[in-house]
Amino acid sequence: MNTRPYVWIDALWFQALWWLIALQRDQAGLPVLALLLLHLVLFPQRRLALVSALLLAPLGYLSDVVWVHSQILNFNSVQTIPLWILGLWVGLIWTLQWSLHWLKHLKWYWQALIGALGASTSYYAAAQLGTLQFETSLETSLLWLALVWALLLPSLTYAMSYLERRFSDAQTSIS
């Protein structure tokens, strides 16, 4: 099966999800749910998607809980830790299956660098859009985010590779 179209569609899908959440925040609940369900309907390997969402997305959500309780950042939300963050984490986990699948072929230190730079940039962009705010200085917040994400992205990539070996349909796996 040719998986290349899925990679591009997933990349565009995740950008739509990120922007929807960044701009709509607390009003994004149903549209986020609709985008997640659309991904499940359109993409193969639903079992892997569900297992990875259930096992890995809560770990990411927990990292945001730690950020808030450590007073590193807060989400400009009516909820202390908004549920739309969990939707964003599910989306990110699914990109590791599709559009970010290439990360598994990199050495861990490149994954760490990409995690550190990519996540801190994403959180910074979200702060600029008013989706969140840093409770410490910008430099301190970005440094903490970069350090944690330098560990988190290689760990998530490894975990997704493990889950792929356990739950993938061989006809639709990406190498």
N, C-alpha and C. Protein backbone atom coordinates (compact mmCIF):
# COMPACT_ATOMS: atom_id res chain seq x y z
N MET A 1 0.84 -1.19 0.00
CA MET A 1 0.00 0.00 0.00
C MET A 1 0.88 1.25 0.00
N ASN A 2 0.56 2.19 -0.85
CA ASN A 2 1.30 3.45 -0.91
C ASN A 2 0.85 4.34 0.25
N THR A 3 1.78 4.60 1.17
CA THR A 3 1.45 5.40 2.35
C THR A 3 1.82 6.87 2.20
N ARG A 4 2.49 7.22 1.11
CA ARG A 4 2.95 8.60 0.95
C ARG A 4 1.82 9.64 1.04
N PRO A 5 0.66 9.44 0.41
CA PRO A 5 -0.42 10.44 0.57
C PRO A 5 -0.84 10.62 2.03
N TYR A 6 -0.82 9.54 2.80
CA TYR A 6 -1.20 9.65 4.20
C TYR A 6 -0.24 10.55 4.98
N VAL A 7 1.04 10.46 4.63
CA VAL A 7 2.04 11.28 5.31
C VAL A 7 1.74 12.76 5.11
N TRP A 8 1.46 13.14 3.88
CA TRP A 8 1.18 14.56 3.58
C TRP A 8 -0.16 15.01 4.15
N ILE A 9 -1.15 14.14 4.04
CA ILE A 9 -2.47 14.49 4.59
C ILE A 9 -2.36 14.64 6.11
N ASP A 10 -1.61 13.75 6.76
CA ASP A 10 -1.43 13.83 8.21
C ASP A 10 -0.73 15.14 8.61
N ALA A 11 0.28 15.53 7.87
CA ALA A 11 0.99 16.78 8.18
C ALA A 11 0.04 17.97 8.09
N LEU A 12 -0.75 18.02 7.05
CA LEU A 12 -1.72 19.11 6.90
C LEU A 12 -2.82 19.02 7.96
N TRP A 13 -3.25 17.82 8.24
CA TRP A 13 -4.28 17.60 9.27
C TRP A 13 -3.80 18.11 10.62
N PHE A 14 -2.54 17.78 10.99
CA PHE A 14 -2.04 18.22 12.29
C PHE A 14 -1.92 19.75 12.35
N GLN A 15 -1.51 20.37 11.25
CA GLN A 15 -1.45 21.83 11.24
C GLN A 15 -2.84 22.43 11.45
N ALA A 16 -3.84 21.84 10.82
CA ALA A 16 -5.22 22.31 11.02
C ALA A 16 -5.63 22.15 12.48
N LEU A 17 -5.29 21.03 13.08
CA LEU A 17 -5.61 20.78 14.48
C LEU A 17 -4.92 21.79 15.39
N TRP A 18 -3.62 22.01 15.16
CA TRP A 18 -2.86 22.95 16.00
C TRP A 18 -3.44 24.36 15.91
N TRP A 19 -3.71 24.82 14.70
CA TRP A 19 -4.23 26.18 14.53
C TRP A 19 -5.64 26.31 15.09
N LEU A 20 -6.46 25.29 14.91
CA LEU A 20 -7.80 25.31 15.48
C LEU A 20 -7.74 25.49 17.00
N ILE A 21 -6.88 24.71 17.63
CA ILE A 21 -6.75 24.80 19.08
C ILE A 21 -6.14 26.12 19.50
N ALA A 22 -5.09 26.55 18.81
CA ALA A 22 -4.41 27.79 19.18
C ALA A 22 -5.34 29.00 19.07
N LEU A 23 -6.22 28.98 18.09
CA LEU A 23 -7.08 30.14 17.87
C LEU A 23 -8.42 30.06 18.59
N GLN A 24 -8.93 28.85 18.78
CA GLN A 24 -10.27 28.69 19.37
C GLN A 24 -10.25 28.26 20.84
N ARG A 25 -9.19 27.65 21.28
CA ARG A 25 -9.02 27.20 22.66
C ARG A 25 -10.26 26.51 23.21
N ASP A 26 -10.92 27.11 24.19
CA ASP A 26 -12.03 26.44 24.87
C ASP A 26 -13.24 26.19 23.97
N GLN A 27 -13.33 26.89 22.86
CA GLN A 27 -14.43 26.66 21.92
C GLN A 27 -14.08 25.59 20.89
N ALA A 28 -12.90 25.00 21.00
CA ALA A 28 -12.43 24.05 19.99
C ALA A 28 -12.86 22.61 20.26
N GLY A 29 -13.54 22.35 21.36
CA GLY A 29 -13.84 20.98 21.77
C GLY A 29 -14.46 20.09 20.72
N LEU A 30 -15.61 20.45 20.21
CA LEU A 30 -16.28 19.60 19.21
C LEU A 30 -15.52 19.55 17.89
N PRO A 31 -15.01 20.68 17.38
CA PRO A 31 -14.21 20.58 16.15
C PRO A 31 -12.96 19.71 16.31
N VAL A 32 -12.32 19.76 17.47
CA VAL A 32 -11.15 18.90 17.72
C VAL A 32 -11.58 17.44 17.70
N LEU A 33 -12.67 17.14 18.38
CA LEU A 33 -13.18 15.77 18.39
C LEU A 33 -13.51 15.31 16.96
N ALA A 34 -14.11 16.19 16.18
CA ALA A 34 -14.44 15.85 14.79
C ALA A 34 -13.17 15.57 13.97
N LEU A 35 -12.13 16.39 14.16
CA LEU A 35 -10.88 16.16 13.43
C LEU A 35 -10.22 14.84 13.85
N LEU A 36 -10.28 14.52 15.13
CA LEU A 36 -9.71 13.25 15.59
C LEU A 36 -10.48 12.06 15.01
N LEU A 37 -11.79 12.16 15.01
CA LEU A 37 -12.60 11.08 14.43
C LEU A 37 -12.37 10.96 12.93
N LEU A 38 -12.23 12.09 12.25
CA LEU A 38 -11.93 12.08 10.81
C LEU A 38 -10.62 11.34 10.54
N HIS A 39 -9.63 11.61 11.36
CA HIS A 39 -8.34 10.91 11.20
C HIS A 39 -8.52 9.41 11.37
N LEU A 40 -9.28 9.01 12.37
CA LEU A 40 -9.51 7.58 12.57
C LEU A 40 -10.24 6.93 11.40
N VAL A 41 -11.18 7.66 10.81
CA VAL A 41 -11.95 7.11 9.69
C VAL A 41 -11.09 7.03 8.42
N LEU A 42 -10.29 8.05 8.16
CA LEU A 42 -9.54 8.13 6.90
C LEU A 42 -8.26 7.31 6.87
N PHE A 43 -7.64 7.11 8.02
CA PHE A 43 -6.33 6.48 8.05
C PHE A 43 -6.41 5.02 8.42
N PRO A 44 -5.53 4.20 7.81
CA PRO A 44 -5.47 2.79 8.20
C PRO A 44 -4.78 2.66 9.57
N GLN A 45 -4.67 1.46 10.04
CA GLN A 45 -4.04 1.14 11.32
C GLN A 45 -4.77 1.79 12.50
N ARG A 46 -6.06 1.64 12.49
CA ARG A 46 -6.88 2.24 13.56
C ARG A 46 -6.55 1.66 14.93
N ARG A 47 -6.27 0.37 14.96
CA ARG A 47 -5.95 -0.26 16.24
C ARG A 47 -4.69 0.36 16.84
N LEU A 48 -3.65 0.55 16.02
CA LEU A 48 -2.43 1.21 16.48
C LEU A 48 -2.72 2.64 16.92
N ALA A 49 -3.54 3.35 16.16
CA ALA A 49 -3.88 4.72 16.51
C ALA A 49 -4.58 4.77 17.87
N LEU A 50 -5.53 3.89 18.10
CA LEU A 50 -6.26 3.89 19.37
C LEU A 50 -5.35 3.51 20.54
N VAL A 51 -4.54 2.49 20.34
CA VAL A 51 -3.64 2.05 21.42
C VAL A 51 -2.64 3.16 21.74
N SER A 52 -2.05 3.76 20.72
CA SER A 52 -1.07 4.82 20.96
C SER A 52 -1.72 6.03 21.63
N ALA A 53 -2.94 6.37 21.21
CA ALA A 53 -3.64 7.49 21.84
C ALA A 53 -3.92 7.20 23.31
N LEU A 54 -4.33 5.98 23.62
CA LEU A 54 -4.66 5.62 25.00
C LEU A 54 -3.43 5.51 25.90
N LEU A 55 -2.30 5.08 25.34
CA LEU A 55 -1.11 4.87 26.15
C LEU A 55 -0.16 6.07 26.19
N LEU A 56 -0.01 6.76 25.06
CA LEU A 56 1.02 7.80 24.98
C LEU A 56 0.48 9.22 25.18
N ALA A 57 -0.71 9.50 24.67
CA ALA A 57 -1.24 10.87 24.81
C ALA A 57 -1.41 11.28 26.28
N PRO A 58 -1.85 10.38 27.17
CA PRO A 58 -1.94 10.79 28.58
C PRO A 58 -0.58 11.17 29.18
N LEU A 59 0.51 10.55 28.71
CA LEU A 59 1.84 10.93 29.19
C LEU A 59 2.17 12.37 28.80
N GLY A 60 1.84 12.73 27.57
CA GLY A 60 2.05 14.09 27.13
C GLY A 60 1.18 15.07 27.89
N TYR A 61 -0.07 14.69 28.08
CA TYR A 61 -0.99 15.53 28.84
C TYR A 61 -0.46 15.74 30.25
N LEU A 62 0.09 14.68 30.83
CA LEU A 62 0.68 14.78 32.17
C LEU A 62 1.84 15.77 32.20
N SER A 63 2.62 15.83 31.12
CA SER A 63 3.71 16.81 31.09
C SER A 63 3.17 18.23 31.15
N ASP A 64 2.05 18.49 30.49
CA ASP A 64 1.45 19.81 30.56
C ASP A 64 0.85 20.09 31.95
N VAL A 65 0.33 19.05 32.59
CA VAL A 65 -0.15 19.20 33.96
C VAL A 65 1.02 19.61 34.86
N VAL A 66 2.17 18.97 34.67
CA VAL A 66 3.36 19.31 35.47
C VAL A 66 3.78 20.76 35.21
N TRP A 67 3.74 21.19 33.94
CA TRP A 67 4.12 22.58 33.62
C TRP A 67 3.23 23.56 34.38
N VAL A 68 1.94 23.28 34.39
CA VAL A 68 1.00 24.19 35.05
C VAL A 68 1.20 24.18 36.56
N HIS A 69 1.30 22.99 37.13
CA HIS A 69 1.46 22.89 38.59
C HIS A 69 2.84 23.38 39.06
N SER A 70 3.82 23.37 38.17
CA SER A 70 5.15 23.90 38.50
C SER A 70 5.22 25.41 38.27
N GLN A 71 4.14 25.96 37.80
CA GLN A 71 4.03 27.39 37.51
C GLN A 71 5.06 27.84 36.47
N ILE A 72 5.27 26.99 35.47
CA ILE A 72 6.10 27.34 34.33
C ILE A 72 5.24 28.02 33.28
N LEU A 73 4.02 27.49 33.09
CA LEU A 73 3.09 28.09 32.14
C LEU A 73 1.67 27.88 32.60
N ASN A 74 0.76 28.60 32.00
CA ASN A 74 -0.66 28.34 32.20
C ASN A 74 -1.38 28.54 30.89
N PHE A 75 -2.46 27.82 30.77
CA PHE A 75 -3.28 27.93 29.58
C PHE A 75 -4.36 28.96 29.85
N ASN A 76 -4.54 29.84 28.93
CA ASN A 76 -5.58 30.86 29.06
C ASN A 76 -6.92 30.20 28.78
N SER A 77 -7.38 29.48 29.79
CA SER A 77 -8.56 28.63 29.64
C SER A 77 -9.43 28.75 30.88
N VAL A 78 -10.68 28.41 30.73
CA VAL A 78 -11.57 28.38 31.89
C VAL A 78 -11.23 27.19 32.79
N GLN A 79 -10.56 26.19 32.24
CA GLN A 79 -10.11 25.03 33.00
C GLN A 79 -8.62 25.20 33.30
N THR A 80 -8.18 24.70 34.43
CA THR A 80 -6.75 24.78 34.75
C THR A 80 -5.93 24.06 33.69
N ILE A 81 -6.31 22.83 33.41
CA ILE A 81 -5.68 22.04 32.34
C ILE A 81 -6.79 21.68 31.37
N PRO A 82 -6.88 22.40 30.26
CA PRO A 82 -8.01 22.18 29.35
C PRO A 82 -7.94 20.83 28.64
N LEU A 83 -9.09 20.26 28.37
CA LEU A 83 -9.15 18.98 27.68
C LEU A 83 -8.67 19.05 26.24
N TRP A 84 -8.77 20.24 25.63
CA TRP A 84 -8.30 20.33 24.24
C TRP A 84 -6.81 20.03 24.13
N ILE A 85 -6.08 20.18 25.23
CA ILE A 85 -4.66 19.81 25.22
C ILE A 85 -4.50 18.31 24.98
N LEU A 86 -5.40 17.52 25.55
CA LEU A 86 -5.36 16.08 25.32
C LEU A 86 -5.60 15.78 23.84
N GLY A 87 -6.52 16.50 23.21
CA GLY A 87 -6.73 16.33 21.77
C GLY A 87 -5.50 16.65 20.96
N LEU A 88 -4.79 17.69 21.37
CA LEU A 88 -3.54 18.05 20.68
C LEU A 88 -2.49 16.96 20.87
N TRP A 89 -2.43 16.39 22.06
CA TRP A 89 -1.49 15.30 22.31
C TRP A 89 -1.82 14.06 21.48
N VAL A 90 -3.10 13.74 21.36
CA VAL A 90 -3.48 12.60 20.51
C VAL A 90 -3.01 12.87 19.08
N GLY A 91 -3.26 14.08 18.60
CA GLY A 91 -2.82 14.44 17.25
C GLY A 91 -1.31 14.32 17.08
N LEU A 92 -0.56 14.80 18.05
CA LEU A 92 0.90 14.70 17.96
C LEU A 92 1.35 13.25 17.96
N ILE A 93 0.76 12.44 18.81
CA ILE A 93 1.12 11.01 18.84
C ILE A 93 0.85 10.37 17.48
N TRP A 94 -0.26 10.72 16.87
CA TRP A 94 -0.57 10.15 15.55
C TRP A 94 0.38 10.64 14.47
N THR A 95 0.93 11.84 14.62
CA THR A 95 1.93 12.27 13.63
C THR A 95 3.18 11.41 13.71
N LEU A 96 3.48 10.88 14.89
CA LEU A 96 4.64 9.98 15.01
C LEU A 96 4.41 8.69 14.22
N GLN A 97 3.17 8.37 13.98
CA GLN A 97 2.83 7.19 13.17
C GLN A 97 2.89 7.51 11.68
N TRP A 98 2.67 8.76 11.30
CA TRP A 98 2.57 9.11 9.89
C TRP A 98 3.57 10.17 9.46
N SER A 99 3.24 11.44 9.61
CA SER A 99 4.08 12.49 9.02
C SER A 99 5.42 12.67 9.73
N LEU A 100 5.54 12.28 10.99
CA LEU A 100 6.82 12.36 11.68
C LEU A 100 7.48 10.98 11.85
N HIS A 101 7.00 10.03 11.10
CA HIS A 101 7.52 8.67 11.19
C HIS A 101 9.02 8.60 10.89
N TRP A 102 9.51 9.51 10.09
CA TRP A 102 10.92 9.56 9.71
C TRP A 102 11.83 9.76 10.93
N LEU A 103 11.29 10.29 12.01
CA LEU A 103 12.11 10.51 13.21
C LEU A 103 12.71 9.22 13.75
N LYS A 104 12.01 8.10 13.56
CA LYS A 104 12.49 6.85 14.14
C LYS A 104 13.79 6.38 13.49
N HIS A 105 14.12 6.95 12.33
CA HIS A 105 15.36 6.57 11.63
C HIS A 105 16.54 7.43 12.06
N LEU A 106 16.30 8.42 12.89
CA LEU A 106 17.36 9.31 13.35
C LEU A 106 17.96 8.80 14.66
N LYS A 107 19.19 9.18 14.90
CA LYS A 107 19.81 8.89 16.19
C LYS A 107 19.06 9.66 17.28
N TRP A 108 19.11 9.16 18.49
CA TRP A 108 18.36 9.76 19.61
C TRP A 108 18.72 11.22 19.83
N TYR A 109 20.01 11.59 19.61
CA TYR A 109 20.41 12.97 19.89
C TYR A 109 19.83 13.94 18.86
N TRP A 110 19.59 13.48 17.64
CA TRP A 110 18.91 14.34 16.65
C TRP A 110 17.44 14.48 17.01
N GLN A 111 16.84 13.39 17.47
CA GLN A 111 15.46 13.46 17.94
C GLN A 111 15.36 14.43 19.12
N ALA A 112 16.35 14.38 20.01
CA ALA A 112 16.36 15.27 21.18
C ALA A 112 16.46 16.73 20.74
N LEU A 113 17.32 17.00 19.79
CA LEU A 113 17.47 18.37 19.29
C LEU A 113 16.19 18.86 18.61
N ILE A 114 15.59 18.01 17.80
CA ILE A 114 14.34 18.37 17.13
C ILE A 114 13.24 18.59 18.17
N GLY A 115 13.17 17.74 19.18
CA GLY A 115 12.18 17.91 20.25
C GLY A 115 12.38 19.21 20.99
N ALA A 116 13.63 19.51 21.35
CA ALA A 116 13.93 20.73 22.10
C ALA A 116 13.56 21.98 21.30
N LEU A 117 13.97 22.02 20.05
CA LEU A 117 13.71 23.20 19.23
C LEU A 117 12.26 23.27 18.77
N GLY A 118 11.72 22.15 18.34
CA GLY A 118 10.35 22.14 17.81
C GLY A 118 9.32 22.46 18.87
N ALA A 119 9.44 21.85 20.04
CA ALA A 119 8.45 22.07 21.09
C ALA A 119 8.54 23.48 21.65
N SER A 120 9.76 23.94 21.93
CA SER A 120 9.87 25.29 22.50
C SER A 120 9.35 26.33 21.51
N THR A 121 9.58 26.11 20.24
CA THR A 121 9.06 27.01 19.21
C THR A 121 7.54 26.96 19.16
N SER A 122 6.98 25.77 19.27
CA SER A 122 5.53 25.62 19.24
C SER A 122 4.87 26.28 20.45
N TYR A 123 5.42 26.05 21.63
CA TYR A 123 4.88 26.69 22.83
C TYR A 123 5.03 28.21 22.75
N TYR A 124 6.15 28.67 22.23
CA TYR A 124 6.35 30.11 22.07
C TYR A 124 5.30 30.70 21.13
N ALA A 125 5.07 30.02 20.00
CA ALA A 125 4.05 30.49 19.05
C ALA A 125 2.67 30.50 19.71
N ALA A 126 2.36 29.47 20.49
CA ALA A 126 1.07 29.44 21.18
C ALA A 126 0.96 30.59 22.17
N ALA A 127 2.06 30.93 22.83
CA ALA A 127 2.05 32.07 23.76
C ALA A 127 1.82 33.37 23.01
N GLN A 128 2.42 33.50 21.85
CA GLN A 128 2.25 34.72 21.05
C GLN A 128 0.81 34.87 20.57
N LEU A 129 0.11 33.75 20.38
CA LEU A 129 -1.28 33.78 19.96
C LEU A 129 -2.25 33.91 21.14
N GLY A 130 -1.72 33.89 22.36
CA GLY A 130 -2.57 34.02 23.54
C GLY A 130 -3.16 32.71 24.04
N THR A 131 -2.71 31.59 23.50
CA THR A 131 -3.23 30.29 23.91
C THR A 131 -2.71 29.90 25.29
N LEU A 132 -1.52 30.34 25.60
CA LEU A 132 -0.92 30.07 26.90
C LEU A 132 -0.05 31.26 27.28
N GLN A 133 0.39 31.26 28.52
CA GLN A 133 1.35 32.28 28.92
C GLN A 133 2.39 31.64 29.83
N PHE A 134 3.60 32.17 29.74
CA PHE A 134 4.68 31.68 30.58
C PHE A 134 4.62 32.39 31.93
N GLU A 135 4.75 31.61 32.98
CA GLU A 135 4.69 32.16 34.34
C GLU A 135 6.07 32.56 34.84
N THR A 136 7.11 32.04 34.23
CA THR A 136 8.48 32.42 34.56
C THR A 136 8.99 33.27 33.40
N SER A 137 10.22 33.69 33.46
CA SER A 137 10.77 34.47 32.35
C SER A 137 10.73 33.63 31.07
N LEU A 138 10.69 34.31 29.96
CA LEU A 138 10.64 33.61 28.67
C LEU A 138 11.82 32.64 28.53
N GLU A 139 13.00 33.11 28.89
CA GLU A 139 14.20 32.27 28.76
C GLU A 139 14.11 31.02 29.64
N THR A 140 13.68 31.20 30.88
CA THR A 140 13.57 30.07 31.80
C THR A 140 12.52 29.08 31.31
N SER A 141 11.38 29.58 30.89
CA SER A 141 10.32 28.70 30.40
C SER A 141 10.78 27.91 29.18
N LEU A 142 11.38 28.60 28.22
CA LEU A 142 11.82 27.92 27.00
C LEU A 142 12.94 26.93 27.29
N LEU A 143 13.80 27.26 28.22
CA LEU A 143 14.87 26.33 28.59
C LEU A 143 14.29 25.05 29.19
N TRP A 144 13.34 25.18 30.12
CA TRP A 144 12.71 24.00 30.71
C TRP A 144 11.98 23.18 29.66
N LEU A 145 11.24 23.87 28.79
CA LEU A 145 10.53 23.15 27.73
C LEU A 145 11.52 22.40 26.84
N ALA A 146 12.59 23.06 26.45
CA ALA A 146 13.59 22.43 25.57
C ALA A 146 14.22 21.22 26.25
N LEU A 147 14.57 21.35 27.52
CA LEU A 147 15.21 20.23 28.22
C LEU A 147 14.28 19.03 28.33
N VAL A 148 13.05 19.27 28.72
CA VAL A 148 12.11 18.16 28.87
C VAL A 148 11.79 17.53 27.52
N TRP A 149 11.58 18.36 26.50
CA TRP A 149 11.28 17.83 25.18
C TRP A 149 12.47 17.12 24.54
N ALA A 150 13.67 17.46 24.96
CA ALA A 150 14.84 16.73 24.47
C ALA A 150 14.79 15.28 24.95
N LEU A 151 14.12 15.04 26.06
CA LEU A 151 13.92 13.68 26.55
C LEU A 151 12.62 13.08 26.05
N LEU A 152 11.59 13.92 25.97
CA LEU A 152 10.25 13.44 25.66
C LEU A 152 10.12 12.94 24.21
N LEU A 153 10.62 13.70 23.24
CA LEU A 153 10.44 13.26 21.85
C LEU A 153 11.15 11.94 21.54
N PRO A 154 12.41 11.77 21.92
CA PRO A 154 13.01 10.43 21.68
C PRO A 154 12.26 9.31 22.40
N SER A 155 11.76 9.59 23.60
CA SER A 155 11.02 8.57 24.34
C SER A 155 9.71 8.21 23.63
N LEU A 156 8.99 9.23 23.18
CA LEU A 156 7.73 8.99 22.47
C LEU A 156 7.99 8.28 21.14
N THR A 157 9.05 8.66 20.45
CA THR A 157 9.40 8.02 19.17
C THR A 157 9.72 6.55 19.40
N TYR A 158 10.48 6.27 20.43
CA TYR A 158 10.80 4.88 20.76
C TYR A 158 9.54 4.10 21.11
N ALA A 159 8.70 4.70 21.94
CA ALA A 159 7.45 4.03 22.34
C ALA A 159 6.56 3.76 21.14
N MET A 160 6.47 4.72 20.22
CA MET A 160 5.64 4.52 19.02
C MET A 160 6.23 3.40 18.17
N SER A 161 7.54 3.34 18.04
CA SER A 161 8.16 2.24 17.28
C SER A 161 7.83 0.90 17.90
N TYR A 162 7.86 0.84 19.21
CA TYR A 162 7.50 -0.39 19.91
C TYR A 162 6.05 -0.76 19.63
N LEU A 163 5.15 0.21 19.76
CA LEU A 163 3.73 -0.07 19.51
C LEU A 163 3.49 -0.46 18.06
N GLU A 164 4.22 0.14 17.13
CA GLU A 164 4.08 -0.24 15.72
C GLU A 164 4.44 -1.71 15.52
N ARG A 165 5.50 -2.16 16.16
CA ARG A 165 5.89 -3.57 16.04
C ARG A 165 4.83 -4.49 16.62
N ARG A 166 4.16 -4.04 17.67
CA ARG A 166 3.16 -4.87 18.33
C ARG A 166 1.79 -4.83 17.67
N PHE A 167 1.39 -3.66 17.12
CA PHE A 167 0.00 -3.48 16.71
C PHE A 167 -0.20 -3.10 15.25
N SER A 168 0.86 -3.01 14.45
CA SER A 168 0.68 -2.58 13.06
C SER A 168 0.14 -3.69 12.18
N ASP A 169 -0.59 -3.27 11.19
CA ASP A 169 -1.00 -4.14 10.09
C ASP A 169 0.14 -4.09 9.09
N ALA A 170 0.77 -5.20 8.80
CA ALA A 170 1.96 -5.23 7.94
C ALA A 170 1.70 -4.64 6.56
N GLN A 171 0.49 -4.67 6.07
CA GLN A 171 0.19 -4.16 4.73
C GLN A 171 0.24 -2.64 4.66
N THR A 172 0.11 -1.95 5.79
CA THR A 172 0.09 -0.50 5.74
C THR A 172 1.19 0.14 6.58
N SER A 173 2.22 -0.63 6.94
CA SER A 173 3.26 -0.04 7.77
C SER A 173 4.19 0.82 6.92
N ILE A 174 4.74 1.83 7.57
CA ILE A 174 5.69 2.74 6.94
C ILE A 174 7.07 2.35 7.42
N SER A 175 8.02 2.23 6.50
CA SER A 175 9.38 1.85 6.91
C SER A 175 10.25 3.03 7.14
